[in-house]
Amino acid sequence: MSLSTFPVEITPEAITQMRAILERKGHAGDFVRIGVKGGGCSGFEYVIRFESTARESDLVWTDGDLKVLLDPKSAEFLAGSKLIWTGNLLGGGFGFENPNASRSCGCGVSFTPKSL
């Protein structure tokens, strides 16, 4: 799936960091799953984890050897979002700029969707 049709934009800095983490942790060739799940202080939590297999229903975005998975239900909550790497010394890491969030927690890990 090309970047233009994947529901989430992934910044070059986030791509670089995902590759580095996969390599450093010995997960080269694995997938990076992004998504949302119920929980957190605002209703939904963002998910970023490594997986060795994809589900048949997953949306898959590739950039060379990097493969990112997104399940269709999470895609509804993340459509139009941007996955970024903040790189801050304090609290740096991955984050989502999500236009579908009506409110986010202070740490940026969870959000309340506009539709709720």
PDB file of N, CA and C in Angstrom:
ATOM      1  N   MET A   1       0.859  -1.169   0.000  1.00  0.00           N
ATOM      2  CA  MET A   1       0.000   0.000   0.000  1.00  0.00           C
ATOM      3  C   MET A   1       0.901   1.226   0.000  1.00  0.00           C
ATOM      4  N   SER A   2       0.605   2.158  -0.842  1.00  0.00           N
ATOM      5  CA  SER A   2       1.428   3.363  -0.915  1.00  0.00           C
ATOM      6  C   SER A   2       1.100   4.285   0.246  1.00  0.00           C
ATOM      7  N   LEU A   3       2.026   5.183   0.541  1.00  0.00           N
ATOM      8  CA  LEU A   3       1.831   6.130   1.629  1.00  0.00           C
ATOM      9  C   LEU A   3       0.608   6.995   1.376  1.00  0.00           C
ATOM     10  N   SER A   4       0.317   7.296   0.111  1.00  0.00           N
ATOM     11  CA  SER A   4      -0.810   8.179  -0.187  1.00  0.00           C
ATOM     12  C   SER A   4      -2.161   7.520   0.098  1.00  0.00           C
ATOM     13  N   THR A   5      -2.252   6.176   0.151  1.00  0.00           N
ATOM     14  CA  THR A   5      -3.517   5.517   0.426  1.00  0.00           C
ATOM     15  C   THR A   5      -3.596   4.953   1.839  1.00  0.00           C
ATOM     16  N   PHE A   6      -2.511   4.948   2.579  1.00  0.00           N
ATOM     17  CA  PHE A   6      -2.512   4.487   3.963  1.00  0.00           C
ATOM     18  C   PHE A   6      -3.154   5.575   4.811  1.00  0.00           C
ATOM     19  N   PRO A   7      -4.056   5.231   5.738  1.00  0.00           N
ATOM     20  CA  PRO A   7      -4.802   6.246   6.486  1.00  0.00           C
ATOM     21  C   PRO A   7      -3.971   7.115   7.420  1.00  0.00           C
ATOM     22  N   VAL A   8      -2.742   6.696   7.726  1.00  0.00           N
ATOM     23  CA  VAL A   8      -1.884   7.427   8.652  1.00  0.00           C
ATOM     24  C   VAL A   8      -0.626   7.864   7.924  1.00  0.00           C
ATOM     25  N   GLU A   9      -0.294   9.142   8.051  1.00  0.00           N
ATOM     26  CA  GLU A   9       0.973   9.633   7.514  1.00  0.00           C
ATOM     27  C   GLU A   9       2.063   9.298   8.521  1.00  0.00           C
ATOM     28  N   ILE A  10       3.192   8.799   8.046  1.00  0.00           N
ATOM     29  CA  ILE A  10       4.312   8.463   8.917  1.00  0.00           C
ATOM     30  C   ILE A  10       5.473   9.356   8.523  1.00  0.00           C
ATOM     31  N   THR A  11       5.946  10.165   9.461  1.00  0.00           N
ATOM     32  CA  THR A  11       7.002  11.117   9.151  1.00  0.00           C
ATOM     33  C   THR A  11       8.331  10.409   8.931  1.00  0.00           C
ATOM     34  N   PRO A  12       9.239  11.027   8.172  1.00  0.00           N
ATOM     35  CA  PRO A  12      10.556  10.416   7.954  1.00  0.00           C
ATOM     36  C   PRO A  12      11.297  10.124   9.261  1.00  0.00           C
ATOM     37  N   GLU A  13      11.156  10.994  10.264  1.00  0.00           N
ATOM     38  CA  GLU A  13      11.820  10.767  11.556  1.00  0.00           C
ATOM     39  C   GLU A  13      11.264   9.527  12.250  1.00  0.00           C
ATOM     40  N   ALA A  14       9.950   9.320  12.167  1.00  0.00           N
ATOM     41  CA  ALA A  14       9.336   8.135  12.761  1.00  0.00           C
ATOM     42  C   ALA A  14       9.787   6.874  12.027  1.00  0.00           C
ATOM     43  N   ILE A  15       9.886   6.953  10.709  1.00  0.00           N
ATOM     44  CA  ILE A  15      10.356   5.813   9.915  1.00  0.00           C
ATOM     45  C   ILE A  15      11.774   5.439  10.324  1.00  0.00           C
ATOM     46  N   THR A  16      12.638   6.423  10.437  1.00  0.00           N
ATOM     47  CA  THR A  16      14.031   6.189  10.831  1.00  0.00           C
ATOM     48  C   THR A  16      14.097   5.529  12.204  1.00  0.00           C
ATOM     49  N   GLN A  17      13.308   6.020  13.156  1.00  0.00           N
ATOM     50  CA  GLN A  17      13.318   5.464  14.513  1.00  0.00           C
ATOM     51  C   GLN A  17      12.748   4.048  14.549  1.00  0.00           C
ATOM     52  N   MET A  18      11.699   3.772  13.786  1.00  0.00           N
ATOM     53  CA  MET A  18      11.148   2.412  13.745  1.00  0.00           C
ATOM     54  C   MET A  18      12.184   1.434  13.229  1.00  0.00           C
ATOM     55  N   ARG A  19      12.869   1.806  12.172  1.00  0.00           N
ATOM     56  CA  ARG A  19      13.924   0.935  11.631  1.00  0.00           C
ATOM     57  C   ARG A  19      15.020   0.698  12.671  1.00  0.00           C
ATOM     58  N   ALA A  20      15.443   1.762  13.331  1.00  0.00           N
ATOM     59  CA  ALA A  20      16.520   1.650  14.324  1.00  0.00           C
ATOM     60  C   ALA A  20      16.103   0.744  15.480  1.00  0.00           C
ATOM     61  N   ILE A  21      14.879   0.888  15.950  1.00  0.00           N
ATOM     62  CA  ILE A  21      14.401   0.065  17.063  1.00  0.00           C
ATOM     63  C   ILE A  21      14.291  -1.394  16.647  1.00  0.00           C
ATOM     64  N   LEU A  22      13.737  -1.649  15.465  1.00  0.00           N
ATOM     65  CA  LEU A  22      13.637  -3.026  14.979  1.00  0.00           C
ATOM     66  C   LEU A  22      15.021  -3.672  14.906  1.00  0.00           C
ATOM     67  N   GLU A  23      15.978  -2.943  14.394  1.00  0.00           N
ATOM     68  CA  GLU A  23      17.346  -3.464  14.270  1.00  0.00           C
ATOM     69  C   GLU A  23      17.968  -3.700  15.644  1.00  0.00           C
ATOM     70  N   ARG A  24      17.860  -2.713  16.510  1.00  0.00           N
ATOM     71  CA  ARG A  24      18.480  -2.786  17.833  1.00  0.00           C
ATOM     72  C   ARG A  24      17.884  -3.922  18.682  1.00  0.00           C
ATOM     73  N   LYS A  25      16.603  -4.155  18.574  1.00  0.00           N
ATOM     74  CA  LYS A  25      15.935  -5.185  19.373  1.00  0.00           C
ATOM     75  C   LYS A  25      15.945  -6.554  18.700  1.00  0.00           C
ATOM     76  N   GLY A  26      16.562  -6.652  17.532  1.00  0.00           N
ATOM     77  CA  GLY A  26      16.641  -7.928  16.848  1.00  0.00           C
ATOM     78  C   GLY A  26      15.343  -8.353  16.181  1.00  0.00           C
ATOM     79  N   HIS A  27      14.523  -7.395  15.806  1.00  0.00           N
ATOM     80  CA  HIS A  27      13.247  -7.688  15.158  1.00  0.00           C
ATOM     81  C   HIS A  27      13.272  -7.387  13.665  1.00  0.00           C
ATOM     82  N   ALA A  28      14.430  -7.290  13.064  1.00  0.00           N
ATOM     83  CA  ALA A  28      14.509  -6.988  11.635  1.00  0.00           C
ATOM     84  C   ALA A  28      13.637  -7.972  10.864  1.00  0.00           C
ATOM     85  N   GLY A  29      12.838  -7.451   9.955  1.00  0.00           N
ATOM     86  CA  GLY A  29      11.926  -8.287   9.175  1.00  0.00           C
ATOM     87  C   GLY A  29      10.545  -8.403   9.783  1.00  0.00           C
ATOM     88  N   ASP A  30      10.395  -8.007  11.044  1.00  0.00           N
ATOM     89  CA  ASP A  30       9.084  -8.037  11.684  1.00  0.00           C
ATOM     90  C   ASP A  30       8.258  -6.820  11.267  1.00  0.00           C
ATOM     91  N   PHE A  31       7.003  -6.830  11.660  1.00  0.00           N
ATOM     92  CA  PHE A  31       6.084  -5.731  11.388  1.00  0.00           C
ATOM     93  C   PHE A  31       6.023  -4.794  12.586  1.00  0.00           C
ATOM     94  N   VAL A  32       5.688  -3.548  12.320  1.00  0.00           N
ATOM     95  CA  VAL A  32       5.341  -2.607  13.380  1.00  0.00           C
ATOM     96  C   VAL A  32       3.836  -2.417  13.296  1.00  0.00           C
ATOM     97  N   ARG A  33       3.136  -2.747  14.380  1.00  0.00           N
ATOM     98  CA  ARG A  33       1.688  -2.564  14.409  1.00  0.00           C
ATOM     99  C   ARG A  33       1.384  -1.251  15.113  1.00  0.00           C
ATOM    100  N   ILE A  34       0.560  -0.426  14.445  1.00  0.00           N
ATOM    101  CA  ILE A  34       0.035   0.774  15.079  1.00  0.00           C
ATOM    102  C   ILE A  34      -1.469   0.613  15.170  1.00  0.00           C
ATOM    103  N   GLY A  35      -2.075   1.249  16.140  1.00  0.00           N
ATOM    104  CA  GLY A  35      -3.516   1.145  16.279  1.00  0.00           C
ATOM    105  C   GLY A  35      -3.993   1.792  17.555  1.00  0.00           C
ATOM    106  N   VAL A  36      -5.217   1.469  17.919  1.00  0.00           N
ATOM    107  CA  VAL A  36      -5.811   1.953  19.162  1.00  0.00           C
ATOM    108  C   VAL A  36      -6.491   0.790  19.863  1.00  0.00           C
ATOM    109  N   LYS A  37      -6.616   0.924  21.187  1.00  0.00           N
ATOM    110  CA  LYS A  37      -7.370  -0.046  21.972  1.00  0.00           C
ATOM    111  C   LYS A  37      -8.068   0.711  23.088  1.00  0.00           C
ATOM    112  N   GLY A  38      -9.136   0.138  23.611  1.00  0.00           N
ATOM    113  CA  GLY A  38      -9.847   0.756  24.710  1.00  0.00           C
ATOM    114  C   GLY A  38      -8.981   0.823  25.946  1.00  0.00           C
ATOM    115  N   GLY A  39      -9.054   1.940  26.669  1.00  0.00           N
ATOM    116  CA  GLY A  39      -8.284   2.080  27.899  1.00  0.00           C
ATOM    117  C   GLY A  39      -7.662   3.452  28.010  1.00  0.00           C
ATOM    118  N   GLY A  40      -6.787   3.585  28.957  1.00  0.00           N
ATOM    119  CA  GLY A  40      -6.130   4.862  29.177  1.00  0.00           C
ATOM    120  C   GLY A  40      -7.041   5.827  29.909  1.00  0.00           C
ATOM    121  N   CYS A  41      -6.519   6.977  30.231  1.00  0.00           N
ATOM    122  CA  CYS A  41      -7.285   7.943  31.022  1.00  0.00           C
ATOM    123  C   CYS A  41      -8.285   8.735  30.182  1.00  0.00           C
ATOM    124  N   SER A  42      -8.240   8.609  28.860  1.00  0.00           N
ATOM    125  CA  SER A  42      -9.159   9.363  28.007  1.00  0.00           C
ATOM    126  C   SER A  42     -10.096   8.485  27.187  1.00  0.00           C
ATOM    127  N   GLY A  43     -10.049   7.173  27.357  1.00  0.00           N
ATOM    128  CA  GLY A  43     -10.975   6.286  26.653  1.00  0.00           C
ATOM    129  C   GLY A  43     -10.315   5.319  25.685  1.00  0.00           C
ATOM    130  N   PHE A  44      -9.337   5.792  24.909  1.00  0.00           N
ATOM    131  CA  PHE A  44      -8.611   4.941  23.973  1.00  0.00           C
ATOM    132  C   PHE A  44      -7.114   5.187  24.116  1.00  0.00           C
ATOM    133  N   GLU A  45      -6.327   4.131  23.943  1.00  0.00           N
ATOM    134  CA  GLU A  45      -4.879   4.234  23.990  1.00  0.00           C
ATOM    135  C   GLU A  45      -4.299   3.959  22.610  1.00  0.00           C
ATOM    136  N   TYR A  46      -3.231   4.671  22.281  1.00  0.00           N
ATOM    137  CA  TYR A  46      -2.496   4.378  21.061  1.00  0.00           C
ATOM    138  C   TYR A  46      -1.629   3.141  21.286  1.00  0.00           C
ATOM    139  N   VAL A  47      -1.454   2.347  20.229  1.00  0.00           N
ATOM    140  CA  VAL A  47      -0.674   1.115  20.301  1.00  0.00           C
ATOM    141  C   VAL A  47       0.428   1.169  19.250  1.00  0.00           C
ATOM    142  N   ILE A  48       1.632   0.856  19.666  1.00  0.00           N
ATOM    143  CA  ILE A  48       2.758   0.640  18.747  1.00  0.00           C
ATOM    144  C   ILE A  48       3.518  -0.556  19.298  1.00  0.00           C
ATOM    145  N   ARG A  49       3.576  -1.640  18.529  1.00  0.00           N
ATOM    146  CA  ARG A  49       4.277  -2.843  18.990  1.00  0.00           C
ATOM    147  C   ARG A  49       4.809  -3.628  17.799  1.00  0.00           C
ATOM    148  N   PHE A  50       5.658  -4.607  18.088  1.00  0.00           N
ATOM    149  CA  PHE A  50       6.239  -5.459  17.055  1.00  0.00           C
ATOM    150  C   PHE A  50       5.447  -6.749  16.950  1.00  0.00           C
ATOM    151  N   GLU A  51       5.269  -7.237  15.716  1.00  0.00           N
ATOM    152  CA  GLU A  51       4.604  -8.515  15.483  1.00  0.00           C
ATOM    153  C   GLU A  51       5.314  -9.227  14.341  1.00  0.00           C
ATOM    154  N   SER A  52       5.294 -10.548  14.409  1.00  0.00           N
ATOM    155  CA  SER A  52       5.984 -11.319  13.376  1.00  0.00           C
ATOM    156  C   SER A  52       5.078 -11.714  12.220  1.00  0.00           C
ATOM    157  N   THR A  53       3.755 -11.583  12.393  1.00  0.00           N
ATOM    158  CA  THR A  53       2.825 -11.920  11.314  1.00  0.00           C
ATOM    159  C   THR A  53       1.744 -10.854  11.190  1.00  0.00           C
ATOM    160  N   ALA A  54       1.181 -10.777   9.998  1.00  0.00           N
ATOM    161  CA  ALA A  54       0.069  -9.855   9.731  1.00  0.00           C
ATOM    162  C   ALA A  54      -1.230 -10.648   9.693  1.00  0.00           C
ATOM    163  N   ARG A  55      -2.315  -9.975  10.013  1.00  0.00           N
ATOM    164  CA  ARG A  55      -3.648 -10.583   9.882  1.00  0.00           C
ATOM    165  C   ARG A  55      -4.147 -10.334   8.464  1.00  0.00           C
ATOM    166  N   GLU A  56      -5.012 -11.190   7.986  1.00  0.00           N
ATOM    167  CA  GLU A  56      -5.531 -11.068   6.625  1.00  0.00           C
ATOM    168  C   GLU A  56      -6.223  -9.719   6.396  1.00  0.00           C
ATOM    169  N   SER A  57      -6.881  -9.190   7.419  1.00  0.00           N
ATOM    170  CA  SER A  57      -7.636  -7.945   7.271  1.00  0.00           C
ATOM    171  C   SER A  57      -6.787  -6.677   7.457  1.00  0.00           C
ATOM    172  N   ASP A  58      -5.521  -6.822   7.843  1.00  0.00           N
ATOM    173  CA  ASP A  58      -4.681  -5.656   8.104  1.00  0.00           C
ATOM    174  C   ASP A  58      -4.420  -4.825   6.856  1.00  0.00           C
ATOM    175  N   LEU A  59      -4.362  -3.530   7.058  1.00  0.00           N
ATOM    176  CA  LEU A  59      -3.823  -2.629   6.047  1.00  0.00           C
ATOM    177  C   LEU A  59      -2.319  -2.644   6.256  1.00  0.00           C
ATOM    178  N   VAL A  60      -1.560  -2.726   5.176  1.00  0.00           N
ATOM    179  CA  VAL A  60      -0.106  -2.824   5.291  1.00  0.00           C
ATOM    180  C   VAL A  60       0.531  -1.716   4.473  1.00  0.00           C
ATOM    181  N   TRP A  61       1.430  -0.980   5.113  1.00  0.00           N
ATOM    182  CA  TRP A  61       2.210   0.055   4.450  1.00  0.00           C
ATOM    183  C   TRP A  61       3.665  -0.377   4.488  1.00  0.00           C
ATOM    184  N   THR A  62       4.361  -0.255   3.348  1.00  0.00           N
ATOM    185  CA  THR A  62       5.762  -0.640   3.312  1.00  0.00           C
ATOM    186  C   THR A  62       6.617   0.505   2.783  1.00  0.00           C
ATOM    187  N   ASP A  63       7.814   0.552   3.304  1.00  0.00           N
ATOM    188  CA  ASP A  63       8.838   1.472   2.826  1.00  0.00           C
ATOM    189  C   ASP A  63      10.129   0.678   2.850  1.00  0.00           C
ATOM    190  N   GLY A  64      10.473   0.090   1.712  1.00  0.00           N
ATOM    191  CA  GLY A  64      11.633  -0.798   1.679  1.00  0.00           C
ATOM    192  C   GLY A  64      11.385  -2.000   2.574  1.00  0.00           C
ATOM    193  N   ASP A  65      12.267  -2.176   3.570  1.00  0.00           N
ATOM    194  CA  ASP A  65      12.151  -3.314   4.482  1.00  0.00           C
ATOM    195  C   ASP A  65      11.217  -3.053   5.664  1.00  0.00           C
ATOM    196  N   LEU A  66      10.729  -1.844   5.828  1.00  0.00           N
ATOM    197  CA  LEU A  66       9.844  -1.502   6.933  1.00  0.00           C
ATOM    198  C   LEU A  66       8.392  -1.777   6.550  1.00  0.00           C
ATOM    199  N   LYS A  67       7.694  -2.543   7.406  1.00  0.00           N
ATOM    200  CA  LYS A  67       6.293  -2.881   7.158  1.00  0.00           C
ATOM    201  C   LYS A  67       5.476  -2.462   8.377  1.00  0.00           C
ATOM    202  N   VAL A  68       4.459  -1.640   8.150  1.00  0.00           N
ATOM    203  CA  VAL A  68       3.601  -1.136   9.225  1.00  0.00           C
ATOM    204  C   VAL A  68       2.197  -1.675   9.018  1.00  0.00           C
ATOM    205  N   LEU A  69       1.615  -2.232  10.094  1.00  0.00           N
ATOM    206  CA  LEU A  69       0.277  -2.813  10.057  1.00  0.00           C
ATOM    207  C   LEU A  69      -0.717  -1.907  10.769  1.00  0.00           C
ATOM    208  N   LEU A  70      -1.956  -1.915  10.281  1.00  0.00           N
ATOM    209  CA  LEU A  70      -3.041  -1.160  10.902  1.00  0.00           C
ATOM    210  C   LEU A  70      -4.327  -1.939  10.679  1.00  0.00           C
ATOM    211  N   ASP A  71      -5.026  -2.284  11.765  1.00  0.00           N
ATOM    212  CA  ASP A  71      -6.288  -3.010  11.605  1.00  0.00           C
ATOM    213  C   ASP A  71      -7.389  -2.036  11.161  1.00  0.00           C
ATOM    214  N   PRO A  72      -8.396  -2.522  10.455  1.00  0.00           N
ATOM    215  CA  PRO A  72      -9.444  -1.642   9.916  1.00  0.00           C
ATOM    216  C   PRO A  72     -10.193  -0.820  10.974  1.00  0.00           C
ATOM    217  N   LYS A  73     -10.447  -1.386  12.157  1.00  0.00           N
ATOM    218  CA  LYS A  73     -11.167  -0.648  13.194  1.00  0.00           C
ATOM    219  C   LYS A  73     -10.313   0.520  13.702  1.00  0.00           C
ATOM    220  N   SER A  74      -9.027   0.293  13.927  1.00  0.00           N
ATOM    221  CA  SER A  74      -8.133   1.372  14.349  1.00  0.00           C
ATOM    222  C   SER A  74      -8.026   2.434  13.270  1.00  0.00           C
ATOM    223  N   ALA A  75      -8.091   2.018  12.016  1.00  0.00           N
ATOM    224  CA  ALA A  75      -7.998   2.967  10.902  1.00  0.00           C
ATOM    225  C   ALA A  75      -9.111   4.011  10.972  1.00  0.00           C
ATOM    226  N   GLU A  76     -10.293   3.614  11.472  1.00  0.00           N
ATOM    227  CA  GLU A  76     -11.399   4.558  11.613  1.00  0.00           C
ATOM    228  C   GLU A  76     -11.040   5.686  12.583  1.00  0.00           C
ATOM    229  N   PHE A  77     -10.329   5.360  13.654  1.00  0.00           N
ATOM    230  CA  PHE A  77      -9.956   6.346  14.670  1.00  0.00           C
ATOM    231  C   PHE A  77      -8.688   7.122  14.314  1.00  0.00           C
ATOM    232  N   LEU A  78      -7.877   6.565  13.409  1.00  0.00           N
ATOM    233  CA  LEU A  78      -6.593   7.190  13.073  1.00  0.00           C
ATOM    234  C   LEU A  78      -6.550   7.815  11.683  1.00  0.00           C
ATOM    235  N   ALA A  79      -7.620   7.706  10.912  1.00  0.00           N
ATOM    236  CA  ALA A  79      -7.640   8.260   9.553  1.00  0.00           C
ATOM    237  C   ALA A  79      -7.283   9.744   9.582  1.00  0.00           C
ATOM    238  N   GLY A  80      -6.313  10.111   8.775  1.00  0.00           N
ATOM    239  CA  GLY A  80      -5.873  11.500   8.706  1.00  0.00           C
ATOM    240  C   GLY A  80      -4.845  11.881   9.745  1.00  0.00           C
ATOM    241  N   SER A  81      -4.445  10.925  10.591  1.00  0.00           N
ATOM    242  CA  SER A  81      -3.455  11.187  11.636  1.00  0.00           C
ATOM    243  C   SER A  81      -2.045  11.171  11.072  1.00  0.00           C
ATOM    244  N   LYS A  82      -1.146  11.686  11.877  1.00  0.00           N
ATOM    245  CA  LYS A  82       0.272  11.676  11.542  1.00  0.00           C
ATOM    246  C   LYS A  82       1.020  11.023  12.699  1.00  0.00           C
ATOM    247  N   LEU A  83       1.838  10.000  12.389  1.00  0.00           N
ATOM    248  CA  LEU A  83       2.700   9.368  13.381  1.00  0.00           C
ATOM    249  C   LEU A  83       4.036  10.094  13.335  1.00  0.00           C
ATOM    250  N   ILE A  84       4.429  10.651  14.478  1.00  0.00           N
ATOM    251  CA  ILE A  84       5.644  11.461  14.536  1.00  0.00           C
ATOM    252  C   ILE A  84       6.629  10.877  15.542  1.00  0.00           C
ATOM    253  N   TRP A  85       7.864  11.313  15.453  1.00  0.00           N
ATOM    254  CA  TRP A  85       8.887  11.042  16.456  1.00  0.00           C
ATOM    255  C   TRP A  85       9.285  12.398  17.014  1.00  0.00           C
ATOM    256  N   THR A  86       9.064  12.596  18.309  1.00  0.00           N
ATOM    257  CA  THR A  86       9.333  13.908  18.896  1.00  0.00           C
ATOM    258  C   THR A  86      10.805  14.157  19.122  1.00  0.00           C
ATOM    259  N   GLY A  87      11.550  13.136  19.549  1.00  0.00           N
ATOM    260  CA  GLY A  87      12.975  13.301  19.758  1.00  0.00           C
ATOM    261  C   GLY A  87      13.339  14.210  20.917  1.00  0.00           C
ATOM    262  N   ASN A  88      12.366  14.588  21.743  1.00  0.00           N
ATOM    263  CA  ASN A  88      12.652  15.434  22.895  1.00  0.00           C
ATOM    264  C   ASN A  88      13.495  14.676  23.911  1.00  0.00           C
ATOM    265  N   LEU A  89      14.318  15.402  24.653  1.00  0.00           N
ATOM    266  CA  LEU A  89      15.098  14.758  25.704  1.00  0.00           C
ATOM    267  C   LEU A  89      14.210  14.286  26.848  1.00  0.00           C
ATOM    268  N   LEU A  90      13.180  15.042  27.171  1.00  0.00           N
ATOM    269  CA  LEU A  90      12.236  14.666  28.222  1.00  0.00           C
ATOM    270  C   LEU A  90      10.928  14.233  27.579  1.00  0.00           C
ATOM    271  N   GLY A  91      10.584  12.977  27.759  1.00  0.00           N
ATOM    272  CA  GLY A  91       9.319  12.495  27.217  1.00  0.00           C
ATOM    273  C   GLY A  91       9.307  12.305  25.715  1.00  0.00           C
ATOM    274  N   GLY A  92      10.466  12.197  25.104  1.00  0.00           N
ATOM    275  CA  GLY A  92      10.522  12.003  23.659  1.00  0.00           C
ATOM    276  C   GLY A  92      10.059  10.620  23.266  1.00  0.00           C
ATOM    277  N   GLY A  93       9.641  10.485  22.042  1.00  0.00           N
ATOM    278  CA  GLY A  93       9.204   9.194  21.535  1.00  0.00           C
ATOM    279  C   GLY A  93       8.195   9.367  20.426  1.00  0.00           C
ATOM    280  N   PHE A  94       7.481   8.291  20.137  1.00  0.00           N
ATOM    281  CA  PHE A  94       6.453   8.324  19.108  1.00  0.00           C
ATOM    282  C   PHE A  94       5.217   9.040  19.641  1.00  0.00           C
ATOM    283  N   GLY A  95       4.513   9.680  18.739  1.00  0.00           N
ATOM    284  CA  GLY A  95       3.274  10.340  19.097  1.00  0.00           C
ATOM    285  C   GLY A  95       2.374  10.438  17.881  1.00  0.00           C
ATOM    286  N   PHE A  96       1.104  10.644  18.132  1.00  0.00           N
ATOM    287  CA  PHE A  96       0.132  10.801  17.055  1.00  0.00           C
ATOM    288  C   PHE A  96      -0.436  12.209  17.083  1.00  0.00           C
ATOM    289  N   GLU A  97      -0.495  12.829  15.942  1.00  0.00           N
ATOM    290  CA  GLU A  97      -1.258  14.063  15.752  1.00  0.00           C
ATOM    291  C   GLU A  97      -2.559  13.602  15.111  1.00  0.00           C
ATOM    292  N   ASN A  98      -3.620  13.547  15.925  1.00  0.00           N
ATOM    293  CA  ASN A  98      -4.855  12.898  15.522  1.00  0.00           C
ATOM    294  C   ASN A  98      -6.004  13.912  15.413  1.00  0.00           C
ATOM    295  N   PRO A  99      -6.469  14.198  14.191  1.00  0.00           N
ATOM    296  CA  PRO A  99      -7.571  15.145  14.034  1.00  0.00           C
ATOM    297  C   PRO A  99      -8.911  14.592  14.530  1.00  0.00           C
ATOM    298  N   ASN A 100      -8.962  13.292  14.830  1.00  0.00           N
ATOM    299  CA  ASN A 100     -10.188  12.655  15.296  1.00  0.00           C
ATOM    300  C   ASN A 100     -10.320  12.681  16.817  1.00  0.00           C
ATOM    301  N   ALA A 101      -9.333  13.245  17.505  1.00  0.00           N
ATOM    302  CA  ALA A 101      -9.366  13.300  18.966  1.00  0.00           C
ATOM    303  C   ALA A 101      -9.994  14.612  19.419  1.00  0.00           C
ATOM    304  N   SER A 102     -10.997  14.506  20.278  1.00  0.00           N
ATOM    305  CA  SER A 102     -11.591  15.718  20.840  1.00  0.00           C
ATOM    306  C   SER A 102     -10.802  16.168  22.060  1.00  0.00           C
ATOM    307  N   ARG A 103     -10.088  15.212  22.675  1.00  0.00           N
ATOM    308  CA  ARG A 103      -9.302  15.512  23.863  1.00  0.00           C
ATOM    309  C   ARG A 103      -8.235  14.437  23.990  1.00  0.00           C
ATOM    310  N   SER A 104      -7.064  14.824  24.496  1.00  0.00           N
ATOM    311  CA  SER A 104      -5.971  13.887  24.737  1.00  0.00           C
ATOM    312  C   SER A 104      -5.494  14.035  26.171  1.00  0.00           C
ATOM    313  N   CYS A 105      -4.921  12.975  26.703  1.00  0.00           N
ATOM    314  CA  CYS A 105      -4.359  13.056  28.047  1.00  0.00           C
ATOM    315  C   CYS A 105      -3.061  13.859  27.991  1.00  0.00           C
ATOM    316  N   GLY A 106      -2.568  14.245  29.134  1.00  0.00           N
ATOM    317  CA  GLY A 106      -1.361  15.060  29.205  1.00  0.00           C
ATOM    318  C   GLY A 106      -0.127  14.381  28.640  1.00  0.00           C
ATOM    319  N   CYS A 107      -0.045  13.064  28.747  1.00  0.00           N
ATOM    320  CA  CYS A 107       1.138  12.361  28.254  1.00  0.00           C
ATOM    321  C   CYS A 107       1.025  12.011  26.775  1.00  0.00           C
ATOM    322  N   GLY A 108      -0.150  12.183  26.176  1.00  0.00           N
ATOM    323  CA  GLY A 108      -0.326  11.916  24.749  1.00  0.00           C
ATOM    324  C   GLY A 108      -0.518  10.467  24.393  1.00  0.00           C
ATOM    325  N   VAL A 109      -0.692   9.588  25.385  1.00  0.00           N
ATOM    326  CA  VAL A 109      -0.842   8.165  25.133  1.00  0.00           C
ATOM    327  C   VAL A 109      -2.289   7.776  24.877  1.00  0.00           C
ATOM    328  N   SER A 110      -3.232   8.552  25.390  1.00  0.00           N
ATOM    329  CA  SER A 110      -4.635   8.208  25.183  1.00  0.00           C
ATOM    330  C   SER A 110      -5.422   9.422  24.714  1.00  0.00           C
ATOM    331  N   PHE A 111      -6.624   9.141  24.175  1.00  0.00           N
ATOM    332  CA  PHE A 111      -7.443  10.203  23.605  1.00  0.00           C
ATOM    333  C   PHE A 111      -8.915   9.833  23.682  1.00  0.00           C
ATOM    334  N   THR A 112      -9.755  10.838  23.550  1.00  0.00           N
ATOM    335  CA  THR A 112     -11.195  10.654  23.418  1.00  0.00           C
ATOM    336  C   THR A 112     -11.558  11.020  21.986  1.00  0.00           C
ATOM    337  N   PRO A 113     -12.149  10.096  21.233  1.00  0.00           N
ATOM    338  CA  PRO A 113     -12.527  10.413  19.861  1.00  0.00           C
ATOM    339  C   PRO A 113     -13.680  11.407  19.794  1.00  0.00           C
ATOM    340  N   LYS A 114     -13.718  12.182  18.734  1.00  0.00           N
ATOM    341  CA  LYS A 114     -14.787  13.161  18.544  1.00  0.00           C
ATOM    342  C   LYS A 114     -16.157  12.504  18.450  1.00  0.00           C
ATOM    343  N   SER A 115     -16.211  11.267  17.982  1.00  0.00           N
ATOM    344  CA  SER A 115     -17.490  10.607  17.753  1.00  0.00           C
ATOM    345  C   SER A 115     -18.140  10.110  19.036  1.00  0.00           C
ATOM    346  N   LEU A 116     -17.449  10.141  20.190  1.00  0.00           N
ATOM    347  CA  LEU A 116     -18.057   9.674  21.440  1.00  0.00           C
ATOM    348  C   LEU A 116     -18.620  10.803  22.241  1.00  0.00           C
TER     349      LEU A 116
END
